[in-house]
Structure formats: C-alpha cells, structure tokens
N, C-alpha and C. Protein backbone atom coordinates (compact mmCIF):
# COMPACT_ATOMS: atom_id res chain seq x y z
N UNK A 1 15.50 -0.10 3.29
CA UNK A 1 15.05 -0.07 1.93
C UNK A 1 15.11 -1.48 1.37
N UNK A 2 14.97 -1.64 0.09
CA UNK A 2 14.90 -2.97 -0.50
C UNK A 2 16.06 -3.25 -1.43
N UNK A 3 16.13 -4.47 -1.84
CA UNK A 3 17.18 -4.92 -2.74
C UNK A 3 16.84 -4.52 -4.17
N UNK A 4 17.80 -3.89 -4.88
CA UNK A 4 17.53 -3.54 -6.28
C UNK A 4 17.18 -4.79 -7.08
N UNK A 5 16.21 -4.64 -7.96
CA UNK A 5 15.82 -5.76 -8.80
C UNK A 5 14.61 -6.50 -8.27
N UNK A 6 14.38 -6.44 -6.95
CA UNK A 6 13.18 -7.07 -6.41
C UNK A 6 11.99 -6.22 -6.82
N UNK A 7 10.86 -6.84 -7.01
CA UNK A 7 9.69 -6.05 -7.38
C UNK A 7 8.43 -6.73 -6.88
N UNK A 8 7.40 -5.94 -6.79
CA UNK A 8 6.10 -6.46 -6.39
C UNK A 8 5.04 -5.74 -7.19
N UNK A 9 4.27 -6.50 -7.92
CA UNK A 9 3.18 -5.89 -8.66
C UNK A 9 1.87 -6.03 -7.89
N UNK A 10 1.88 -6.80 -6.80
CA UNK A 10 0.64 -7.09 -6.09
C UNK A 10 0.17 -5.97 -5.18
N UNK A 11 1.06 -5.09 -4.74
CA UNK A 11 0.64 -4.09 -3.75
C UNK A 11 0.09 -2.82 -4.38
N UNK A 12 0.41 -2.56 -5.63
CA UNK A 12 -0.13 -1.38 -6.30
C UNK A 12 0.70 -0.12 -6.15
N UNK A 13 1.77 -0.14 -5.35
CA UNK A 13 2.64 1.03 -5.21
C UNK A 13 3.76 0.90 -6.24
N UNK A 14 3.82 1.81 -7.21
CA UNK A 14 4.78 1.65 -8.31
C UNK A 14 6.24 1.66 -7.88
N UNK A 15 6.54 2.25 -6.73
CA UNK A 15 7.92 2.34 -6.26
C UNK A 15 8.30 1.20 -5.33
N UNK A 16 7.36 0.37 -4.92
CA UNK A 16 7.61 -0.68 -3.94
C UNK A 16 8.37 -1.85 -4.57
N UNK A 17 9.45 -2.25 -3.90
CA UNK A 17 10.27 -3.38 -4.36
C UNK A 17 10.22 -4.56 -3.40
N UNK A 18 9.33 -4.50 -2.41
CA UNK A 18 9.21 -5.59 -1.44
C UNK A 18 8.63 -6.83 -2.10
N UNK A 19 9.26 -7.99 -1.93
CA UNK A 19 8.70 -9.23 -2.50
C UNK A 19 7.60 -9.77 -1.59
N UNK A 20 6.46 -9.11 -1.60
CA UNK A 20 5.35 -9.46 -0.71
C UNK A 20 5.00 -10.94 -0.80
N UNK A 21 4.80 -11.55 0.37
CA UNK A 21 4.45 -12.96 0.43
C UNK A 21 5.65 -13.89 0.42
N UNK A 22 6.84 -13.33 0.18
CA UNK A 22 8.06 -14.15 0.15
C UNK A 22 9.07 -13.67 1.18
N UNK A 23 8.61 -12.90 2.17
CA UNK A 23 9.51 -12.40 3.20
C UNK A 23 9.46 -13.31 4.42
N UNK A 24 10.45 -13.15 5.31
CA UNK A 24 10.57 -14.01 6.48
C UNK A 24 9.82 -13.48 7.69
N UNK A 25 9.91 -12.19 7.92
CA UNK A 25 9.37 -11.56 9.13
C UNK A 25 8.24 -10.61 8.74
N UNK A 26 7.19 -10.49 9.57
CA UNK A 26 6.09 -9.57 9.23
C UNK A 26 6.54 -8.14 8.95
N UNK A 27 7.57 -7.64 9.66
CA UNK A 27 8.06 -6.28 9.40
C UNK A 27 8.66 -6.15 8.01
N UNK A 28 9.10 -7.28 7.43
CA UNK A 28 9.66 -7.25 6.09
C UNK A 28 8.60 -7.00 5.02
N UNK A 29 7.33 -7.05 5.40
CA UNK A 29 6.23 -6.82 4.46
C UNK A 29 5.95 -5.34 4.24
N UNK A 30 6.64 -4.45 4.97
CA UNK A 30 6.49 -3.01 4.74
C UNK A 30 6.87 -2.71 3.29
N UNK A 31 6.26 -1.69 2.73
CA UNK A 31 6.54 -1.27 1.36
C UNK A 31 7.81 -0.41 1.38
N UNK A 32 8.80 -0.78 0.58
CA UNK A 32 10.07 -0.05 0.54
C UNK A 32 10.50 0.15 -0.90
N UNK A 33 11.06 1.33 -1.15
CA UNK A 33 11.64 1.59 -2.47
C UNK A 33 13.08 1.09 -2.46
N UNK A 34 13.68 1.10 -3.64
CA UNK A 34 15.12 0.85 -3.71
C UNK A 34 15.80 2.02 -3.01
N UNK A 35 16.73 1.74 -2.14
CA UNK A 35 17.44 2.80 -1.43
C UNK A 35 18.53 3.41 -2.29
N UNK A 36 18.72 4.70 -2.14
CA UNK A 36 19.78 5.43 -2.81
C UNK A 36 20.88 5.63 -1.79
N UNK A 37 22.09 5.14 -2.06
CA UNK A 37 23.20 5.28 -1.13
C UNK A 37 23.94 6.58 -1.37
N UNK A 38 24.25 7.28 -0.26
CA UNK A 38 24.95 8.55 -0.32
C UNK A 38 26.05 8.55 0.73
N UNK A 39 27.30 8.71 0.32
CA UNK A 39 28.39 8.85 1.28
C UNK A 39 28.23 10.20 1.96
N UNK A 40 28.31 10.22 3.30
CA UNK A 40 28.08 11.47 4.02
C UNK A 40 28.89 11.53 5.30
N UNK A 41 29.23 12.72 5.69
CA UNK A 41 29.80 12.97 7.01
C UNK A 41 28.69 13.59 7.83
N UNK A 42 28.38 12.98 8.98
CA UNK A 42 27.29 13.45 9.83
C UNK A 42 27.80 13.68 11.24
N UNK A 43 27.02 14.46 11.98
CA UNK A 43 27.30 14.63 13.41
C UNK A 43 26.09 14.13 14.16
N UNK A 44 26.29 13.16 15.03
CA UNK A 44 25.21 12.61 15.84
C UNK A 44 25.78 12.23 17.20
N UNK A 45 25.09 11.34 17.94
CA UNK A 45 25.58 10.99 19.27
C UNK A 45 26.93 10.28 19.25
N UNK A 46 27.36 9.80 18.08
CA UNK A 46 28.68 9.18 17.96
C UNK A 46 29.77 10.21 17.78
N UNK A 47 29.39 11.45 17.50
CA UNK A 47 30.34 12.50 17.17
C UNK A 47 30.25 12.77 15.68
N UNK A 48 31.36 13.16 15.07
CA UNK A 48 31.42 13.39 13.63
C UNK A 48 31.94 12.10 13.00
N UNK A 49 31.13 11.51 12.12
CA UNK A 49 31.49 10.22 11.52
C UNK A 49 31.20 10.22 10.03
N UNK A 50 32.00 9.46 9.30
CA UNK A 50 31.71 9.19 7.89
C UNK A 50 30.81 7.96 7.85
N UNK A 51 29.77 8.02 7.05
CA UNK A 51 28.81 6.93 7.00
C UNK A 51 28.21 6.83 5.61
N UNK A 52 27.44 5.80 5.39
CA UNK A 52 26.66 5.64 4.16
C UNK A 52 25.20 5.85 4.51
N UNK A 53 24.63 6.92 4.02
CA UNK A 53 23.20 7.15 4.22
C UNK A 53 22.43 6.43 3.13
N UNK A 54 21.26 5.95 3.49
CA UNK A 54 20.35 5.37 2.52
C UNK A 54 19.10 6.24 2.52
N UNK A 55 18.67 6.64 1.35
CA UNK A 55 17.52 7.51 1.18
C UNK A 55 16.49 6.76 0.35
N UNK A 56 15.23 6.80 0.79
CA UNK A 56 14.20 6.12 0.02
C UNK A 56 12.82 6.34 0.61
N UNK A 57 11.87 5.58 0.11
CA UNK A 57 10.47 5.68 0.53
C UNK A 57 10.09 4.44 1.34
N UNK A 58 9.22 4.66 2.33
CA UNK A 58 8.75 3.59 3.19
C UNK A 58 7.29 3.81 3.51
N UNK A 59 6.51 2.77 3.40
CA UNK A 59 5.14 2.78 3.93
C UNK A 59 4.96 1.49 4.71
N UNK A 60 4.73 1.65 6.01
CA UNK A 60 4.54 0.48 6.85
C UNK A 60 3.24 -0.21 6.46
N UNK A 61 3.21 -1.51 6.58
CA UNK A 61 2.08 -2.31 6.10
C UNK A 61 0.76 -1.94 6.76
N UNK A 62 0.80 -1.35 7.95
CA UNK A 62 -0.42 -1.00 8.67
C UNK A 62 -0.70 0.51 8.66
N UNK A 63 -0.06 1.25 7.73
CA UNK A 63 -0.24 2.70 7.64
C UNK A 63 -0.64 3.10 6.22
N UNK A 64 -1.21 4.30 6.11
CA UNK A 64 -1.54 4.87 4.81
C UNK A 64 -0.55 5.96 4.40
N UNK A 65 0.39 6.30 5.28
CA UNK A 65 1.34 7.38 5.04
C UNK A 65 2.63 6.84 4.43
N UNK A 66 3.10 7.50 3.37
CA UNK A 66 4.40 7.18 2.79
C UNK A 66 5.41 8.15 3.39
N UNK A 67 6.54 7.60 3.82
CA UNK A 67 7.59 8.37 4.48
C UNK A 67 8.82 8.47 3.60
N UNK A 68 9.47 9.62 3.62
CA UNK A 68 10.78 9.83 3.01
C UNK A 68 11.78 9.56 4.12
N UNK A 69 12.64 8.56 3.93
CA UNK A 69 13.51 8.08 5.00
C UNK A 69 14.96 8.35 4.66
N UNK A 70 15.70 8.84 5.66
CA UNK A 70 17.15 9.00 5.58
C UNK A 70 17.70 8.25 6.78
N UNK A 71 18.56 7.24 6.52
CA UNK A 71 19.09 6.45 7.64
C UNK A 71 20.42 5.84 7.25
N UNK A 72 21.16 5.42 8.29
CA UNK A 72 22.42 4.73 8.03
C UNK A 72 22.46 3.33 8.66
N UNK A 73 21.33 2.90 9.24
CA UNK A 73 21.29 1.59 9.85
C UNK A 73 21.92 1.53 11.23
N UNK A 74 22.41 2.67 11.70
CA UNK A 74 23.03 2.74 13.02
C UNK A 74 22.37 3.85 13.84
N UNK A 75 22.95 5.03 13.80
CA UNK A 75 22.47 6.12 14.65
C UNK A 75 21.61 7.14 13.91
N UNK A 76 21.75 7.24 12.60
CA UNK A 76 21.00 8.24 11.84
C UNK A 76 19.70 7.61 11.36
N UNK A 77 18.58 8.24 11.72
CA UNK A 77 17.28 7.75 11.26
C UNK A 77 16.30 8.92 11.30
N UNK A 78 15.83 9.31 10.14
CA UNK A 78 14.87 10.40 10.02
C UNK A 78 13.80 9.98 9.04
N UNK A 79 12.54 10.11 9.45
CA UNK A 79 11.41 9.83 8.57
C UNK A 79 10.56 11.09 8.48
N UNK A 80 10.33 11.56 7.25
CA UNK A 80 9.50 12.72 7.00
C UNK A 80 8.33 12.31 6.12
N UNK A 81 7.15 12.88 6.37
CA UNK A 81 6.07 12.67 5.41
C UNK A 81 6.52 13.28 4.09
N UNK A 82 5.91 12.85 3.00
CA UNK A 82 6.28 13.41 1.71
C UNK A 82 6.04 14.91 1.67
N UNK A 83 4.95 15.36 2.29
CA UNK A 83 4.67 16.80 2.33
C UNK A 83 5.75 17.54 3.12
N UNK A 84 6.19 16.97 4.23
CA UNK A 84 7.25 17.61 5.01
C UNK A 84 8.56 17.64 4.22
N UNK A 85 8.87 16.56 3.51
CA UNK A 85 10.08 16.53 2.68
C UNK A 85 10.02 17.61 1.60
N UNK A 86 8.83 17.81 1.03
CA UNK A 86 8.67 18.87 0.02
C UNK A 86 8.87 20.25 0.64
N UNK A 87 8.39 20.44 1.88
CA UNK A 87 8.58 21.73 2.54
C UNK A 87 10.06 21.99 2.81
N UNK A 88 10.80 20.96 3.20
CA UNK A 88 12.25 21.12 3.40
C UNK A 88 12.90 21.50 2.07
N UNK A 89 12.55 20.79 1.00
CA UNK A 89 13.08 21.10 -0.33
C UNK A 89 12.79 22.56 -0.70
N UNK A 90 11.55 22.97 -0.51
CA UNK A 90 11.16 24.33 -0.87
C UNK A 90 11.86 25.37 0.00
N UNK A 91 12.07 25.07 1.27
CA UNK A 91 12.77 25.99 2.17
C UNK A 91 14.22 26.17 1.72
N UNK A 92 14.86 25.08 1.34
CA UNK A 92 16.24 25.17 0.85
C UNK A 92 16.29 25.99 -0.43
N UNK A 93 15.36 25.74 -1.34
CA UNK A 93 15.33 26.48 -2.59
C UNK A 93 15.05 27.97 -2.39
N UNK A 94 14.30 28.32 -1.35
CA UNK A 94 13.90 29.71 -1.16
C UNK A 94 14.92 30.54 -0.39
N UNK A 95 15.90 29.92 0.21
CA UNK A 95 16.90 30.66 1.00
C UNK A 95 18.19 30.80 0.21
N UNK A 96 18.50 32.03 -0.17
CA UNK A 96 19.66 32.27 -1.03
C UNK A 96 20.96 31.82 -0.38
N UNK A 97 21.12 32.06 0.92
CA UNK A 97 22.36 31.68 1.61
C UNK A 97 22.56 30.17 1.58
N UNK A 98 21.50 29.44 1.86
CA UNK A 98 21.59 27.97 1.86
C UNK A 98 21.81 27.46 0.43
N UNK A 99 21.09 28.03 -0.52
CA UNK A 99 21.27 27.63 -1.93
C UNK A 99 22.72 27.80 -2.35
N UNK A 100 23.31 28.93 -2.05
CA UNK A 100 24.71 29.19 -2.42
C UNK A 100 25.65 28.23 -1.71
N UNK A 101 25.41 27.98 -0.44
CA UNK A 101 26.27 27.06 0.32
C UNK A 101 26.23 25.65 -0.28
N UNK A 102 25.09 25.27 -0.82
CA UNK A 102 24.93 23.94 -1.42
C UNK A 102 25.26 23.93 -2.91
N UNK A 103 25.64 25.08 -3.45
CA UNK A 103 25.99 25.15 -4.87
C UNK A 103 24.79 25.10 -5.78
N UNK A 104 23.64 25.55 -5.30
CA UNK A 104 22.41 25.52 -6.10
C UNK A 104 22.07 26.86 -6.72
N UNK A 105 22.82 27.89 -6.36
CA UNK A 105 22.50 29.24 -6.86
C UNK A 105 23.05 29.47 -8.24
C-alpha cells in the first residue's frame, strides 16, 4: 500500500496515493490506496502467528482491474477483485452462524 499523506491527482483514481513520476522503481508506479493496518492472528505455512495485516486497494499500472488486497508483507497475500470481495462480504452477511461468530448478528 502507500504512505499516508501522499497523493496523486494525475492518475484519476480518487483513492490512489502513489506519487506518480516520483517513484524509484517501475513497480512503485502501481496505484495503491492508503493501507489499513489490522492486528491479526493467522494460520499459514509459518503456523499460527500474530502479524499486522494491511488491507487496501491495488491496481497494477498495466491492468484495468482494481484488487482488494490483504497482506502482511511476509507469508499472507490475498488479492480479490472488488466483485469477489463484495461476494465474500455478502456471504458473511447472509450466514447467520458466521454473523453471530463475528458479532454481527
């Protein structure tokens, strides 16, 4: 994700904080939102670990698709299309057992 406070008005994406034209590496030109940090306990190939997840939006400079990204910079990395992220949200909302487990009921 990007550094809070950075902004770019040149790309036209209202959520993009990439300082286009002032980055060092071509991959740094991808469109990124400000990341939201979330303390989380996850299970992955490392086992059960406490980590800091970063959640945000990403659109690679050579793509038209915006991705909803959840990552920790190490082993956790998930990219969902916005439509897929909405389907996950709707599935959680529609399942009473999951809603109750998450305290949403």
